[in-house]
Amino acid sequence: MPIVTHTDWDAFLAQHPNAHLLQTTEWGKHANASGWKSVQVVEGNIGAQILFRPLSLGQTRAYIPKGPVGDNWHALIPVIDQICRQYNAIFLKIEPDSWRDDESIPQGFILGKQATQPLRTIEIDISGEEDLILARMKQKTRYNIRLATRKGVIIREDTDINTFMDLMKITSVRDEFTTYPDEYYASVYRHFQERGGKLLTAEVEHHPVASLMVFARGSRAWYLYGASSNEHRNLMPTYLLQWEAIRWARTQGCKTYDLWGVPDEDEATLDANFMSRSDGLWGVYRFKRGFGGEVKRGVGPWIRVYKPLWYRLYQQWAMRG
């Protein structure tokens, strides 16, 4: 059985420096702290981090976020099947790390109805000179970045995750969305603070008004979580904060910056409706589009059912929840 240790998985990922953040050992350890069990498998030059979530009566559900890793990873499916059966998985969900429009569903899989990670995102090209990156942004976004600078907004590296969590609670009430429990954010920060993660906070007169977590690996960076207070929003601290996160990602050698999640609509629909809608991810699309990136859509989710009866029962339970 090609299950490997965390050390071996890190060695494998060193050969794939642009593998997705969600396939790292750190994310697996965070998943373990959040009620999953992470298992890493390697076969030659392909591998996968599989997450298993316990269900009733000794059953599990299996999930591969933004993987497997390596070219021609479809050859790994028989190994993945074997391990999923070993862990009593009812089904497997794969959300590949791919933007390819022509990627077909592997044999034996079906297209899932609901993705776990955002299907559509905005990816910014952060290569080249800073002036070139700024030039690709919307004029209003550039203005807001400079306004925040002129008005004395200060961005600093932070080590106090409690500040972030306090701001997240304010944001969730204001924008009417559900957040993760505090321990979830604390776990992410704990596992990534020394390996590819950074917590940045915007301050006005030494008072925190916005905060975000940014992650870097290889040539890729991701902005996953952000929060802001209700104070000093007229000073546009979130714009300067995002710009400084981009600048930090560039110091790590990153060439792309993933803004992580916009409504799953084509770009024409997004641009036609963002002024009138604020529900769900629409509320952040107007902000994110200003940074001048490219709207991209991932493939999947793909579902492989191992136990059809159990899967139907699971679907009924999930619909009730």
Protein backbone atom coordinates (compact mmCIF):
# COMPACT_ATOMS: atom_id res chain seq x y z
CA MET A 1 0.00 0.00 0.00
CA PRO A 2 1.67 3.27 -1.12
CA ILE A 3 0.61 5.31 1.95
CA VAL A 4 3.52 7.55 2.95
CA THR A 5 4.57 9.58 5.98
CA HIS A 6 4.39 13.35 6.18
CA THR A 7 8.15 13.48 5.64
CA ASP A 8 7.87 11.41 2.47
CA TRP A 9 4.90 13.48 1.29
CA ASP A 10 6.92 16.68 1.76
CA ALA A 11 9.74 15.14 -0.26
CA PHE A 12 7.26 14.24 -3.01
CA LEU A 13 5.80 17.76 -3.02
CA ALA A 14 9.30 19.22 -3.30
CA GLN A 15 9.28 17.73 -6.80
CA HIS A 16 5.98 19.55 -7.48
CA PRO A 17 6.62 23.09 -6.19
CA ASN A 18 3.41 24.45 -7.70
CA ALA A 19 1.07 21.86 -6.19
CA HIS A 20 -1.95 23.48 -4.61
CA LEU A 21 -1.99 24.76 -1.04
CA LEU A 22 -4.76 22.29 -0.13
CA GLN A 23 -2.51 19.35 -0.98
CA THR A 24 0.23 20.35 1.47
CA THR A 25 1.09 18.55 4.68
CA GLU A 26 0.14 21.69 6.59
CA TRP A 27 -3.37 21.64 5.18
CA GLY A 28 -3.63 17.95 6.00
CA LYS A 29 -2.65 18.63 9.61
CA HIS A 30 -5.21 21.44 9.74
CA ALA A 31 -7.83 19.04 8.36
CA ASN A 32 -6.91 16.52 11.06
CA ALA A 33 -7.52 19.19 13.69
CA SER A 34 -10.91 19.89 12.09
CA GLY A 35 -12.28 16.35 12.31
CA TRP A 36 -10.89 14.77 9.15
CA LYS A 37 -8.17 12.15 8.72
CA SER A 38 -5.56 12.94 6.09
CA VAL A 39 -3.85 10.14 4.18
CA GLN A 40 -1.07 10.74 1.67
CA VAL A 41 -0.34 8.27 -1.13
CA VAL A 42 2.42 8.25 -3.74
CA GLU A 43 2.88 6.01 -6.77
CA GLY A 44 5.87 6.97 -8.88
CA ASN A 45 5.62 10.65 -9.83
CA ILE A 46 1.94 11.07 -8.92
CA GLY A 47 0.27 11.34 -5.54
CA ALA A 48 -2.72 12.55 -3.60
CA GLN A 49 -3.67 13.78 -0.17
CA ILE A 50 -7.03 12.19 0.63
CA LEU A 51 -9.20 13.48 3.47
CA PHE A 52 -11.63 11.13 5.20
CA ARG A 53 -14.58 12.38 7.26
CA PRO A 54 -16.19 9.92 9.69
CA LEU A 55 -19.91 9.21 9.23
CA SER A 56 -22.32 6.94 11.07
CA LEU A 57 -21.75 3.23 11.58
CA GLY A 58 -18.08 3.27 10.70
CA GLN A 59 -18.57 4.76 7.24
CA THR A 60 -16.62 7.73 5.83
CA ARG A 61 -16.68 10.15 2.95
CA ALA A 62 -13.47 10.82 1.03
CA TYR A 63 -12.32 14.08 -0.47
CA ILE A 64 -9.33 15.17 -2.55
CA PRO A 65 -9.18 18.99 -2.61
CA LYS A 66 -7.27 20.50 -5.54
CA GLY A 67 -5.52 17.28 -6.43
CA PRO A 68 -4.24 14.71 -7.13
CA VAL A 69 -0.72 15.99 -7.82
CA GLY A 70 1.28 15.24 -10.94
CA ASP A 71 0.70 14.76 -14.65
CA ASN A 72 -1.51 11.89 -15.81
CA TRP A 73 -2.81 11.44 -12.28
CA HIS A 74 -5.77 9.41 -13.58
CA ALA A 75 -3.42 6.41 -13.40
CA LEU A 76 -3.56 6.77 -9.61
CA ILE A 77 -7.32 6.11 -9.43
CA PRO A 78 -7.01 2.33 -8.80
CA VAL A 79 -4.75 3.05 -5.82
CA ILE A 80 -7.12 5.73 -4.56
CA ASP A 81 -10.04 3.31 -4.91
CA GLN A 82 -8.20 0.72 -2.84
CA ILE A 83 -7.48 3.14 -0.03
CA CYS A 84 -11.00 4.59 -0.06
CA ARG A 85 -12.42 1.09 0.33
CA GLN A 86 -9.95 0.39 3.13
CA TYR A 87 -11.34 3.42 4.97
CA ASN A 88 -14.98 2.44 4.31
CA ALA A 89 -15.68 5.42 2.07
CA ILE A 90 -19.22 5.68 0.75
CA PHE A 91 -18.03 7.97 -2.02
CA LEU A 92 -15.06 10.04 -3.14
CA LYS A 93 -15.20 13.68 -4.22
CA ILE A 94 -12.34 15.07 -6.30
CA GLU A 95 -11.99 18.77 -7.06
CA PRO A 96 -9.00 18.84 -9.43
CA ASP A 97 -6.45 21.63 -9.53
CA SER A 98 -7.21 22.43 -13.14
CA TRP A 99 -8.68 25.25 -15.22
CA ARG A 100 -8.90 23.13 -18.38
CA ASP A 101 -12.22 23.50 -20.19
CA ASP A 102 -11.62 20.32 -22.18
CA GLU A 103 -10.89 18.01 -19.25
CA SER A 104 -13.38 15.16 -19.36
CA ILE A 105 -14.86 13.33 -16.39
CA PRO A 106 -12.86 10.14 -15.69
CA GLN A 107 -14.60 6.85 -16.34
CA GLY A 108 -16.62 5.71 -13.35
CA PHE A 109 -17.20 9.24 -12.00
CA ILE A 110 -20.23 11.51 -12.16
CA LEU A 111 -20.39 15.29 -12.02
CA GLY A 112 -21.27 16.44 -8.51
CA LYS A 113 -23.91 19.09 -7.89
CA GLN A 114 -22.11 21.04 -5.19
CA ALA A 115 -18.44 21.98 -4.90
CA THR A 116 -16.68 22.34 -1.58
CA GLN A 117 -14.17 24.93 -2.80
CA PRO A 118 -15.28 27.90 -4.93
CA LEU A 119 -15.52 26.79 -8.55
CA ARG A 120 -14.81 30.22 -9.98
CA THR A 121 -12.14 32.66 -8.95
CA ILE A 122 -10.11 35.64 -10.11
CA GLU A 123 -6.41 35.05 -10.66
CA ILE A 124 -4.07 38.02 -10.86
CA ASP A 125 -0.80 38.06 -12.81
CA ILE A 126 1.67 39.56 -10.32
CA SER A 127 4.79 39.12 -12.43
CA GLY A 128 6.67 42.10 -13.79
CA GLU A 129 7.07 45.56 -12.26
CA GLU A 130 4.68 46.86 -9.62
CA ASP A 131 3.62 49.73 -11.89
CA LEU A 132 2.52 47.19 -14.50
CA ILE A 133 0.43 45.26 -11.94
CA LEU A 134 -1.20 48.51 -10.79
CA ALA A 135 -1.85 49.53 -14.40
CA ARG A 136 -3.90 46.36 -14.93
CA MET A 137 -6.20 47.25 -12.03
CA LYS A 138 -9.38 49.29 -12.30
CA GLN A 139 -8.74 53.01 -11.92
CA LYS A 140 -10.91 53.19 -8.78
CA THR A 141 -8.91 50.40 -7.12
CA ARG A 142 -5.63 52.19 -7.77
CA TYR A 143 -7.17 55.36 -6.37
CA ASN A 144 -8.34 53.57 -3.22
CA ILE A 145 -4.90 52.05 -2.62
CA ARG A 146 -3.29 55.47 -2.84
CA LEU A 147 -6.04 57.06 -0.76
CA ALA A 148 -5.43 54.60 2.08
CA THR A 149 -1.71 55.37 1.93
CA ARG A 150 -2.27 59.13 2.00
CA LYS A 151 -4.73 58.86 4.89
CA GLY A 152 -2.26 57.05 7.11
CA VAL A 153 -3.45 53.43 6.95
CA ILE A 154 -0.58 51.22 8.12
CA ILE A 155 -0.13 47.56 7.17
CA ARG A 156 1.85 45.31 9.48
CA GLU A 157 2.62 41.65 9.84
CA ASP A 158 0.56 40.30 12.71
CA THR A 159 0.89 37.38 15.11
CA ASP A 160 -2.39 37.82 16.98
CA ILE A 161 -4.98 35.57 15.40
CA ASN A 162 -7.52 36.80 17.95
CA THR A 163 -7.57 40.20 16.24
CA PHE A 164 -8.41 38.52 12.96
CA MET A 165 -11.16 36.43 14.56
CA ASP A 166 -12.71 39.48 16.25
CA LEU A 167 -12.80 41.29 12.91
CA MET A 168 -14.27 38.21 11.23
CA LYS A 169 -17.20 38.22 13.66
CA ILE A 170 -17.91 41.87 12.81
CA THR A 171 -17.70 41.13 9.08
CA SER A 172 -20.04 38.15 9.27
CA VAL A 173 -22.74 40.19 11.01
CA ARG A 174 -22.41 43.12 8.62
CA ASP A 175 -22.31 41.04 5.43
CA GLU A 176 -24.67 38.31 6.65
CA PHE A 177 -22.62 35.17 6.13
CA THR A 178 -21.65 32.24 8.32
CA THR A 179 -18.06 31.91 9.45
CA TYR A 180 -16.02 28.94 10.58
CA PRO A 181 -15.54 28.44 14.33
CA ASP A 182 -12.64 30.37 15.87
CA GLU A 183 -10.58 27.21 16.23
CA TYR A 184 -10.71 26.68 12.46
CA TYR A 185 -8.93 29.98 11.75
CA ALA A 186 -6.57 29.44 14.67
CA SER A 187 -5.68 26.02 13.26
CA VAL A 188 -4.97 27.38 9.78
CA TYR A 189 -2.74 30.09 11.21
CA ARG A 190 -0.97 27.68 13.57
CA HIS A 191 -0.10 25.24 10.80
CA PHE A 192 0.98 27.77 8.18
CA GLN A 193 2.59 30.62 10.12
CA GLU A 194 6.09 29.23 9.60
CA ARG A 195 5.55 27.55 6.23
CA GLY A 196 3.98 29.72 3.59
CA GLY A 197 1.35 31.69 5.49
CA LYS A 198 1.20 35.32 6.57
CA LEU A 199 -1.27 37.29 8.68
CA LEU A 200 -1.46 40.99 7.73
CA THR A 201 -3.43 43.66 9.56
CA ALA A 202 -4.38 47.20 8.55
CA GLU A 203 -4.34 49.81 11.31
CA VAL A 204 -5.59 53.36 11.67
CA GLU A 205 -4.00 55.21 14.58
CA HIS A 206 -2.80 51.86 16.02
CA HIS A 207 -6.34 50.44 15.89
CA PRO A 208 -6.87 47.28 13.74
CA VAL A 209 -9.49 47.83 11.05
CA ALA A 210 -8.89 44.95 8.61
CA SER A 211 -6.96 41.70 8.47
CA LEU A 212 -6.28 38.85 6.06
CA MET A 213 -4.44 35.56 5.67
CA VAL A 214 -2.36 35.06 2.55
CA PHE A 215 -0.49 31.92 1.51
CA ALA A 216 2.39 31.29 -0.89
CA ARG A 217 3.82 28.14 -2.45
CA GLY A 218 6.08 27.96 -5.47
CA SER A 219 4.93 30.51 -8.03
CA ARG A 220 1.37 30.66 -6.63
CA ALA A 221 -0.29 32.68 -3.87
CA TRP A 222 -3.81 32.50 -2.43
CA TYR A 223 -5.95 34.92 -0.46
CA LEU A 224 -8.36 32.72 1.49
CA TYR A 225 -9.71 34.72 4.43
CA GLY A 226 -10.26 38.41 5.07
CA ALA A 227 -12.18 40.54 7.57
CA SER A 228 -12.75 44.19 8.39
CA SER A 229 -14.35 46.38 11.02
CA ASN A 230 -17.13 48.91 10.55
CA GLU A 231 -14.78 51.75 11.39
CA HIS A 232 -12.74 53.89 8.97
CA ARG A 233 -14.10 52.10 5.91
CA ASN A 234 -13.96 55.44 4.10
CA LEU A 235 -10.16 55.20 4.30
CA MET A 236 -10.21 52.07 2.10
CA PRO A 237 -7.93 49.94 4.32
CA THR A 238 -8.91 46.65 2.63
CA TYR A 239 -7.53 47.86 -0.71
CA LEU A 240 -4.14 48.75 0.69
CA LEU A 241 -4.14 45.53 2.73
CA GLN A 242 -4.73 43.45 -0.40
CA TRP A 243 -2.03 45.34 -2.27
CA GLU A 244 0.50 44.69 0.50
CA ALA A 245 -0.46 41.01 0.48
CA ILE A 246 0.28 40.95 -3.24
CA ARG A 247 3.61 42.67 -2.64
CA TRP A 248 4.47 40.11 0.05
CA ALA A 249 3.58 37.25 -2.32
CA ARG A 250 5.99 38.72 -4.88
CA THR A 251 8.82 38.58 -2.31
CA GLN A 252 8.11 34.85 -2.02
CA GLY A 253 8.66 34.38 -5.75
CA CYS A 254 4.98 34.12 -6.68
CA LYS A 255 3.77 34.96 -10.18
CA THR A 256 0.02 34.50 -9.68
CA TYR A 257 -2.34 35.55 -6.90
CA ASP A 258 -5.65 33.73 -6.46
CA LEU A 259 -8.43 35.87 -4.96
CA TRP A 260 -10.35 32.67 -4.12
CA GLY A 261 -13.99 32.78 -4.86
CA VAL A 262 -16.49 34.76 -6.93
CA PRO A 263 -20.02 33.80 -8.05
CA ASP A 264 -20.11 30.86 -10.43
CA GLU A 265 -21.25 32.84 -13.44
CA ASP A 266 -19.60 33.73 -16.73
CA GLU A 267 -17.80 37.06 -16.85
CA ALA A 268 -20.50 38.80 -18.88
CA THR A 269 -23.12 37.86 -16.27
CA LEU A 270 -20.80 38.92 -13.45
CA ASP A 271 -20.20 42.35 -14.93
CA ALA A 272 -23.88 42.85 -15.75
CA ASN A 273 -25.08 42.12 -12.22
CA PHE A 274 -22.42 43.03 -9.67
CA MET A 275 -23.82 46.51 -9.05
CA SER A 276 -27.27 45.21 -8.15
CA ARG A 277 -26.44 42.07 -6.17
CA SER A 278 -24.72 41.62 -2.81
CA ASP A 279 -25.84 38.11 -1.79
CA GLY A 280 -23.33 35.29 -1.34
CA LEU A 281 -20.07 35.82 -3.20
CA TRP A 282 -21.58 38.72 -5.12
CA GLY A 283 -20.74 40.90 -2.15
CA VAL A 284 -17.00 40.46 -2.73
CA TYR A 285 -16.95 40.32 -6.53
CA ARG A 286 -17.05 44.10 -6.97
CA PHE A 287 -14.03 44.42 -4.68
CA LYS A 288 -12.06 41.59 -6.27
CA ARG A 289 -12.70 42.51 -9.90
CA GLY A 290 -10.99 45.84 -9.30
CA PHE A 291 -7.59 44.16 -9.01
CA GLY A 292 -7.56 43.36 -12.70
CA GLY A 293 -7.26 39.59 -12.76
CA GLU A 294 -8.68 36.92 -15.02
CA VAL A 295 -11.88 35.08 -14.14
CA LYS A 296 -11.21 31.33 -14.16
CA ARG A 297 -13.33 28.26 -13.46
CA GLY A 298 -12.13 24.93 -12.12
CA VAL A 299 -13.31 21.51 -13.25
CA GLY A 300 -15.38 19.15 -11.16
CA PRO A 301 -16.48 18.28 -8.62
CA TRP A 302 -16.24 14.65 -9.64
CA ILE A 303 -17.94 11.95 -7.58
CA ARG A 304 -17.07 8.24 -7.47
CA VAL A 305 -19.65 6.18 -5.62
CA TYR A 306 -18.50 3.02 -3.84
CA LYS A 307 -21.68 2.15 -1.91
CA PRO A 308 -24.79 3.25 -3.85
CA LEU A 309 -27.34 2.58 -1.11
CA TRP A 310 -25.30 4.35 1.53
CA TYR A 311 -24.72 7.21 -0.92
CA ARG A 312 -28.45 7.69 -1.48
CA LEU A 313 -28.99 7.75 2.29
CA TYR A 314 -26.18 10.26 2.64
CA GLN A 315 -27.72 12.50 -0.02
CA GLN A 316 -31.08 12.43 1.76
CA TRP A 317 -29.40 13.31 5.05
CA ALA A 318 -27.40 16.12 3.43
CA MET A 319 -30.53 17.63 1.84
CA ARG A 320 -32.24 17.70 5.24
CA GLY A 321 -29.22 19.41 6.77
